[in-house]
Amino acid sequence: MKDIWPWKQEGTVNITIYDVPEGLLREFAEKVINPDYPGGISPAIKDVILKAVEERKRQETRIATVKEL
């Protein structure tokens, strides 16, 4: 998968995620990471974050458009 993360020039942070159920992580690896992200879990999580932010921006745009009407 092509790296679509637009903030390559920004600084990065390292994160630790606690208490993720093992089965959920295994399913995420099997269904999302392995087929789509040969680079591993980091690119997959970045993509999930990016898509969530983009979706929220679309929602906010729609709400603002409706309020204007």
N, C-alpha and C. Protein backbone atom coordinates (compact mmCIF):
# COMPACT_ATOMS: atom_id res chain seq x y z
N MET A 1 0.84 -1.18 0.00
CA MET A 1 0.00 0.00 0.00
C MET A 1 0.88 1.24 0.00
N LYS A 2 0.50 2.20 -0.78
CA LYS A 2 1.21 3.47 -0.87
C LYS A 2 1.08 4.23 0.45
N ASP A 3 2.17 4.81 0.90
CA ASP A 3 2.14 5.57 2.15
C ASP A 3 1.41 6.88 1.90
N ILE A 4 0.26 7.05 2.54
CA ILE A 4 -0.56 8.25 2.31
C ILE A 4 -0.50 9.21 3.49
N TRP A 5 0.35 8.94 4.45
CA TRP A 5 0.43 9.79 5.63
C TRP A 5 1.01 11.14 5.23
N PRO A 6 0.21 12.22 5.32
CA PRO A 6 0.63 13.51 4.78
C PRO A 6 1.58 14.31 5.68
N TRP A 7 1.85 13.84 6.88
CA TRP A 7 2.64 14.63 7.81
C TRP A 7 4.05 14.09 7.99
N LYS A 8 4.67 13.66 6.91
CA LYS A 8 6.01 13.06 7.00
C LYS A 8 7.04 14.03 7.57
N GLN A 9 6.92 15.30 7.32
CA GLN A 9 7.92 16.27 7.75
C GLN A 9 7.74 16.69 9.21
N GLU A 10 6.60 16.39 9.80
CA GLU A 10 6.37 16.75 11.19
C GLU A 10 7.09 15.80 12.12
N GLY A 11 7.28 16.24 13.36
CA GLY A 11 7.86 15.36 14.36
C GLY A 11 6.92 14.20 14.64
N THR A 12 7.42 13.16 15.20
CA THR A 12 6.61 12.00 15.51
C THR A 12 6.62 11.73 17.00
N VAL A 13 5.68 10.95 17.45
CA VAL A 13 5.63 10.52 18.83
C VAL A 13 5.53 9.00 18.86
N ASN A 14 6.01 8.42 19.92
CA ASN A 14 5.86 6.99 20.14
C ASN A 14 4.72 6.81 21.12
N ILE A 15 3.88 5.83 20.87
CA ILE A 15 2.75 5.60 21.78
C ILE A 15 2.76 4.17 22.26
N THR A 16 2.19 3.99 23.43
CA THR A 16 1.98 2.66 23.98
C THR A 16 0.49 2.52 24.21
N ILE A 17 -0.07 1.43 23.76
CA ILE A 17 -1.50 1.20 23.92
C ILE A 17 -1.67 0.05 24.91
N TYR A 18 -2.46 0.27 25.93
CA TYR A 18 -2.66 -0.73 26.97
C TYR A 18 -4.02 -1.40 26.82
N ASP A 19 -4.09 -2.60 27.33
CA ASP A 19 -5.34 -3.34 27.51
C ASP A 19 -6.13 -3.57 26.22
N VAL A 20 -5.44 -3.84 25.14
CA VAL A 20 -6.12 -4.22 23.89
C VAL A 20 -6.34 -5.73 23.96
N PRO A 21 -7.56 -6.18 23.81
CA PRO A 21 -7.80 -7.62 23.87
C PRO A 21 -6.98 -8.35 22.80
N GLU A 22 -6.37 -9.44 23.20
CA GLU A 22 -5.50 -10.21 22.30
C GLU A 22 -6.25 -10.64 21.04
N GLY A 23 -7.48 -11.09 21.20
CA GLY A 23 -8.27 -11.54 20.05
C GLY A 23 -8.54 -10.41 19.08
N LEU A 24 -8.82 -9.22 19.59
CA LEU A 24 -9.07 -8.06 18.73
C LEU A 24 -7.80 -7.70 17.94
N LEU A 25 -6.66 -7.70 18.62
CA LEU A 25 -5.41 -7.39 17.94
C LEU A 25 -5.08 -8.46 16.90
N ARG A 26 -5.31 -9.72 17.22
CA ARG A 26 -5.07 -10.80 16.27
C ARG A 26 -5.96 -10.65 15.04
N GLU A 27 -7.24 -10.35 15.27
CA GLU A 27 -8.17 -10.17 14.15
C GLU A 27 -7.77 -8.97 13.30
N PHE A 28 -7.36 -7.88 13.93
CA PHE A 28 -6.90 -6.70 13.20
C PHE A 28 -5.69 -7.05 12.33
N ALA A 29 -4.78 -7.83 12.88
CA ALA A 29 -3.60 -8.25 12.12
C ALA A 29 -4.00 -9.12 10.94
N GLU A 30 -4.88 -10.08 11.17
CA GLU A 30 -5.27 -11.00 10.10
C GLU A 30 -6.08 -10.32 9.00
N LYS A 31 -7.00 -9.46 9.39
CA LYS A 31 -7.94 -8.89 8.42
C LYS A 31 -7.48 -7.57 7.82
N VAL A 32 -6.64 -6.83 8.51
CA VAL A 32 -6.26 -5.49 8.04
C VAL A 32 -4.76 -5.38 7.78
N ILE A 33 -3.96 -5.66 8.78
CA ILE A 33 -2.53 -5.42 8.65
C ILE A 33 -1.88 -6.34 7.62
N ASN A 34 -2.03 -7.63 7.78
CA ASN A 34 -1.34 -8.57 6.88
C ASN A 34 -1.69 -8.36 5.41
N PRO A 35 -2.97 -8.23 5.04
CA PRO A 35 -3.26 -8.08 3.62
C PRO A 35 -2.95 -6.69 3.04
N ASP A 36 -3.06 -5.66 3.85
CA ASP A 36 -2.99 -4.30 3.32
C ASP A 36 -1.76 -3.49 3.72
N TYR A 37 -1.07 -3.88 4.76
CA TYR A 37 0.03 -3.08 5.29
C TYR A 37 1.27 -3.94 5.52
N PRO A 38 2.05 -4.19 4.47
CA PRO A 38 3.24 -5.01 4.63
C PRO A 38 4.27 -4.39 5.58
N GLY A 39 4.13 -3.10 5.85
CA GLY A 39 5.04 -2.42 6.77
C GLY A 39 4.73 -2.68 8.23
N GLY A 40 3.62 -3.34 8.51
CA GLY A 40 3.28 -3.68 9.89
C GLY A 40 2.18 -2.82 10.47
N ILE A 41 2.09 -2.87 11.78
CA ILE A 41 0.98 -2.24 12.50
C ILE A 41 1.06 -0.72 12.48
N SER A 42 2.24 -0.14 12.49
CA SER A 42 2.38 1.32 12.54
C SER A 42 1.70 2.00 11.35
N PRO A 43 1.97 1.59 10.11
CA PRO A 43 1.26 2.22 8.99
C PRO A 43 -0.25 1.99 9.04
N ALA A 44 -0.67 0.84 9.55
CA ALA A 44 -2.10 0.56 9.65
C ALA A 44 -2.77 1.52 10.63
N ILE A 45 -2.15 1.72 11.78
CA ILE A 45 -2.72 2.62 12.79
C ILE A 45 -2.71 4.06 12.27
N LYS A 46 -1.65 4.46 11.59
CA LYS A 46 -1.60 5.81 11.01
C LYS A 46 -2.75 6.01 10.03
N ASP A 47 -3.01 5.00 9.21
CA ASP A 47 -4.09 5.10 8.24
C ASP A 47 -5.45 5.18 8.92
N VAL A 48 -5.65 4.39 9.97
CA VAL A 48 -6.91 4.45 10.73
C VAL A 48 -7.11 5.84 11.32
N ILE A 49 -6.04 6.41 11.89
CA ILE A 49 -6.13 7.76 12.46
C ILE A 49 -6.46 8.78 11.38
N LEU A 50 -5.75 8.71 10.26
CA LEU A 50 -5.99 9.65 9.16
C LEU A 50 -7.42 9.56 8.66
N LYS A 51 -7.92 8.35 8.46
CA LYS A 51 -9.29 8.18 7.97
C LYS A 51 -10.32 8.69 8.98
N ALA A 52 -10.07 8.51 10.27
CA ALA A 52 -10.99 9.01 11.29
C ALA A 52 -11.03 10.54 11.28
N VAL A 53 -9.87 11.16 11.16
CA VAL A 53 -9.81 12.64 11.11
C VAL A 53 -10.51 13.15 9.86
N GLU A 54 -10.25 12.52 8.72
CA GLU A 54 -10.90 12.96 7.47
C GLU A 54 -12.42 12.79 7.56
N GLU A 55 -12.87 11.70 8.13
CA GLU A 55 -14.32 11.49 8.28
C GLU A 55 -14.94 12.55 9.18
N ARG A 56 -14.27 12.90 10.25
CA ARG A 56 -14.79 13.92 11.15
C ARG A 56 -14.86 15.27 10.45
N LYS A 57 -13.86 15.59 9.64
CA LYS A 57 -13.88 16.84 8.88
C LYS A 57 -15.06 16.87 7.91
N ARG A 58 -15.32 15.73 7.25
CA ARG A 58 -16.47 15.66 6.34
C ARG A 58 -17.77 15.87 7.11
N GLN A 59 -17.89 15.25 8.27
CA GLN A 59 -19.10 15.42 9.09
C GLN A 59 -19.28 16.88 9.50
N GLU A 60 -18.20 17.51 9.92
CA GLU A 60 -18.27 18.91 10.34
C GLU A 60 -18.65 19.81 9.17
N THR A 61 -18.15 19.51 8.00
CA THR A 61 -18.50 20.28 6.80
C THR A 61 -19.98 20.13 6.49
N ARG A 62 -20.48 18.90 6.56
CA ARG A 62 -21.92 18.67 6.30
C ARG A 62 -22.79 19.39 7.32
N ILE A 63 -22.40 19.36 8.59
CA ILE A 63 -23.17 20.04 9.63
C ILE A 63 -23.17 21.54 9.39
N ALA A 64 -22.02 22.12 9.05
CA ALA A 64 -21.93 23.55 8.78
C ALA A 64 -22.77 23.92 7.58
N THR A 65 -22.79 23.07 6.55
CA THR A 65 -23.58 23.34 5.35
C THR A 65 -25.07 23.33 5.68
N VAL A 66 -25.49 22.37 6.47
CA VAL A 66 -26.91 22.29 6.85
C VAL A 66 -27.31 23.49 7.68
N LYS A 67 -26.45 23.93 8.60
CA LYS A 67 -26.76 25.09 9.44
C LYS A 67 -26.90 26.36 8.61
N GLU A 68 -26.15 26.45 7.51
CA GLU A 68 -26.22 27.62 6.65
C GLU A 68 -27.54 27.69 5.88
N LEU A 69 -28.15 26.54 5.65
CA LEU A 69 -29.39 26.52 4.89
C LEU A 69 -30.47 27.03 5.75
